[in-house]
């Protein structure tokens, strides 16, 4: 006997329960990032010890990230999220997660998200380069339907630093006010 979900057949039994019920965490890097940077490998190991399935993808063209490319990639990576799906984003990865959630079917609810050094209002100390300006402008001026995002987001936490040279603290306002994120500084 088989159980069918999303056109994938999985046999019943202990392996089915483990595979289907296991919580998945996607760690999404930021602008010019990669899966092996910073605290990602450490967090992956810690979460796997707690029996989470952890995926840290390499997003396309991280040196010149564009909304369309990143959201299409996330939709391919996680086409059927559910309450066992969690996201952790860093910097631009936070916006990518938010925009991914905005694009989901109305009946989808994920388990939650953690946003680390996310920006929705502004960035500071960027290079004076046409590509950098173009990328920043696209991500900062393309509207987000926060009402739609909230319909998919069960709970969230947004973490900021009071000495981040790129992400000013006032970015916390939209995470708190529009996404009801718990703020940690």
Protein backbone atom coordinates (compact mmCIF):
# COMPACT_ATOMS: atom_id res chain seq x y z
CA UNK A 1 0.00 0.00 0.00
CA UNK A 2 1.26 3.50 -0.73
CA UNK A 3 0.39 7.01 0.36
CA UNK A 4 0.31 9.69 -2.27
CA UNK A 5 1.22 13.33 -1.71
CA UNK A 6 2.38 15.76 -4.34
CA UNK A 7 2.63 13.01 -6.93
CA UNK A 8 5.27 11.17 -4.89
CA UNK A 9 4.46 7.70 -3.55
CA UNK A 10 5.90 6.77 -0.17
CA UNK A 11 5.35 3.36 1.45
CA UNK A 12 3.66 3.15 4.84
CA UNK A 13 5.70 2.11 7.84
CA UNK A 14 8.36 3.60 10.14
CA UNK A 15 10.36 5.06 7.24
CA UNK A 16 7.25 6.86 6.00
CA UNK A 17 6.63 8.45 9.39
CA UNK A 18 10.26 9.53 9.72
CA UNK A 19 10.44 10.91 6.18
CA UNK A 20 7.08 12.63 6.19
CA UNK A 21 7.08 14.04 9.72
CA UNK A 22 10.70 15.19 9.88
CA UNK A 23 11.04 18.94 10.17
CA UNK A 24 12.97 20.67 7.40
CA UNK A 25 15.01 23.82 7.80
CA UNK A 26 16.20 25.86 4.86
CA UNK A 27 19.05 28.26 5.62
CA UNK A 28 19.11 31.00 3.01
CA UNK A 29 22.29 33.03 2.56
CA UNK A 30 22.44 36.67 1.63
CA UNK A 31 23.99 38.85 -1.02
CA UNK A 32 27.36 37.49 -2.17
CA UNK A 33 26.90 34.55 0.23
CA UNK A 34 27.38 30.80 0.03
CA UNK A 35 26.42 27.68 2.04
CA UNK A 36 29.80 27.35 3.78
CA UNK A 37 29.98 30.89 5.13
CA UNK A 38 29.88 32.18 8.66
CA UNK A 39 27.65 30.33 11.15
CA UNK A 40 25.76 28.21 8.57
CA UNK A 41 27.79 24.96 8.90
CA UNK A 42 27.69 25.18 12.71
CA UNK A 43 23.91 25.73 12.75
CA UNK A 44 23.35 22.91 10.27
CA UNK A 45 25.25 20.50 12.50
CA UNK A 46 23.37 21.64 15.62
CA UNK A 47 19.97 21.27 13.97
CA UNK A 48 20.83 17.86 12.53
CA UNK A 49 21.71 16.70 16.05
CA UNK A 50 18.12 17.59 16.94
CA UNK A 51 16.90 15.47 14.00
CA UNK A 52 16.05 18.27 11.58
CA UNK A 53 16.70 17.88 7.88
CA UNK A 54 18.79 20.95 6.99
CA UNK A 55 19.25 22.32 3.49
CA UNK A 56 21.65 25.18 2.76
CA UNK A 57 21.35 25.88 -0.97
CA UNK A 58 23.59 27.98 -3.15
CA UNK A 59 21.30 30.64 -4.56
CA UNK A 60 21.91 31.74 -8.15
CA UNK A 61 24.26 34.59 -8.98
CA UNK A 62 24.79 35.75 -5.36
CA UNK A 63 27.10 38.58 -6.43
CA UNK A 64 24.18 40.16 -8.34
CA UNK A 65 21.02 38.69 -6.78
CA UNK A 66 17.73 39.47 -8.46
CA UNK A 67 14.32 38.92 -6.89
CA UNK A 68 12.89 36.91 -9.79
CA UNK A 69 15.82 34.47 -9.93
CA UNK A 70 15.99 33.90 -6.19
CA UNK A 71 12.24 33.42 -5.71
CA UNK A 72 11.97 31.03 -8.66
CA UNK A 73 14.89 29.07 -7.19
CA UNK A 74 13.22 28.86 -3.75
CA UNK A 75 9.94 27.76 -5.31
CA UNK A 76 11.78 24.94 -7.07
CA UNK A 77 13.72 24.06 -3.92
CA UNK A 78 10.63 23.94 -1.69
CA UNK A 79 7.53 23.65 -3.89
CA UNK A 80 5.25 22.23 -1.16
CA UNK A 81 6.11 23.78 2.21
CA UNK A 82 4.01 22.92 5.25
CA UNK A 83 3.94 23.32 9.02
CA UNK A 84 7.12 21.17 9.22
CA UNK A 85 9.01 23.62 6.99
CA UNK A 86 11.13 26.34 8.61
CA UNK A 87 13.35 29.04 7.13
CA UNK A 88 16.37 30.86 8.49
CA UNK A 89 17.57 33.80 6.46
CA UNK A 90 20.60 36.02 6.65
CA UNK A 91 20.63 39.57 5.26
CA UNK A 92 19.09 39.48 1.76
CA UNK A 93 18.11 35.86 2.44
CA UNK A 94 15.47 37.26 4.82
CA UNK A 95 13.85 39.24 2.03
CA UNK A 96 14.10 36.24 -0.26
CA UNK A 97 12.14 34.17 2.29
CA UNK A 98 9.52 36.89 2.71
CA UNK A 99 9.07 37.25 -1.04
CA UNK A 100 8.94 33.45 -1.43
CA UNK A 101 6.14 33.33 1.18
CA UNK A 102 4.33 36.11 -0.67
CA UNK A 103 4.28 33.94 -3.81
CA UNK A 104 2.76 30.83 -2.16
CA UNK A 105 -0.73 29.39 -2.57
CA UNK A 106 -3.20 30.87 -0.08
CA UNK A 107 -3.70 27.65 1.91
CA UNK A 108 -0.02 27.09 2.79
CA UNK A 109 1.30 27.71 6.33
CA UNK A 110 4.94 27.15 7.25
CA UNK A 111 6.22 26.36 10.75
CA UNK A 112 8.12 29.60 11.14
CA UNK A 113 11.10 31.73 10.22
CA UNK A 114 14.15 33.30 11.81
CA UNK A 115 15.45 36.44 10.15
CA UNK A 116 19.05 37.41 10.95
CA UNK A 117 20.23 40.90 9.97
CA UNK A 118 17.35 41.30 7.57
CA UNK A 119 16.61 44.57 5.84
CA UNK A 120 13.37 45.92 4.48
CA UNK A 121 13.90 49.69 4.84
CA UNK A 122 17.48 50.56 4.05
CA UNK A 123 21.11 49.52 3.86
CA UNK A 124 24.20 51.55 4.70
CA UNK A 125 27.88 51.60 3.72
CA UNK A 126 27.31 50.04 0.30
CA UNK A 127 29.95 50.28 -2.40
CA UNK A 128 29.56 53.12 -4.89
CA UNK A 129 29.03 50.83 -7.86
CA UNK A 130 26.22 50.77 -10.45
CA UNK A 131 25.49 47.05 -10.00
CA UNK A 132 25.41 47.35 -6.20
CA UNK A 133 23.08 50.35 -6.42
CA UNK A 134 20.82 48.55 -8.90
CA UNK A 135 20.58 45.40 -6.75
CA UNK A 136 19.90 47.36 -3.55
CA UNK A 137 17.28 49.53 -5.26
CA UNK A 138 15.42 46.49 -6.64
CA UNK A 139 15.22 44.75 -3.26
CA UNK A 140 14.39 47.93 -1.31
CA UNK A 141 11.76 49.41 -3.64
CA UNK A 142 9.85 46.37 -4.95
CA UNK A 143 6.67 46.29 -2.88
CA UNK A 144 5.84 43.39 -0.57
CA UNK A 145 2.27 42.34 0.28
CA UNK A 146 2.81 41.84 4.01
CA UNK A 147 -0.82 40.79 4.52
CA UNK A 148 -0.25 37.86 2.18
CA UNK A 149 3.09 36.98 3.79
CA UNK A 150 1.46 36.86 7.26
CA UNK A 151 -1.08 34.29 6.01
CA UNK A 152 1.81 31.84 5.49
CA UNK A 153 3.93 32.67 8.52
CA UNK A 154 2.95 31.00 11.78
CA UNK A 155 5.63 32.75 13.83
CA UNK A 156 8.91 34.55 13.31
CA UNK A 157 11.88 36.02 15.10
CA UNK A 158 14.05 38.82 13.73
CA UNK A 159 17.57 39.22 15.11
CA UNK A 160 19.55 42.44 14.73
CA UNK A 161 22.87 43.81 15.94
CA UNK A 162 23.33 47.32 17.29
CA UNK A 163 26.69 47.58 15.52
CA UNK A 164 25.89 46.16 12.06
CA UNK A 165 27.57 48.45 9.55
CA UNK A 166 25.23 47.42 6.68
CA UNK A 167 21.83 46.83 8.31
CA UNK A 168 20.69 49.76 10.48
CA UNK A 169 18.54 48.96 13.51
CA UNK A 170 15.49 50.78 12.13
CA UNK A 171 14.99 47.78 9.84
CA UNK A 172 13.44 46.04 12.83
CA UNK A 173 10.32 48.23 12.56
CA UNK A 174 8.81 46.48 9.54
CA UNK A 175 9.65 43.02 10.87
CA UNK A 176 7.88 43.86 14.14
CA UNK A 177 4.99 45.91 12.71
CA UNK A 178 4.25 44.08 9.45
CA UNK A 179 5.26 40.49 10.26
CA UNK A 180 4.69 40.44 14.03
CA UNK A 181 8.23 39.11 14.46
CA UNK A 182 9.68 38.87 17.92
CA UNK A 183 12.69 41.22 17.87
CA UNK A 184 16.04 40.31 19.42
CA UNK A 185 18.90 42.82 19.47
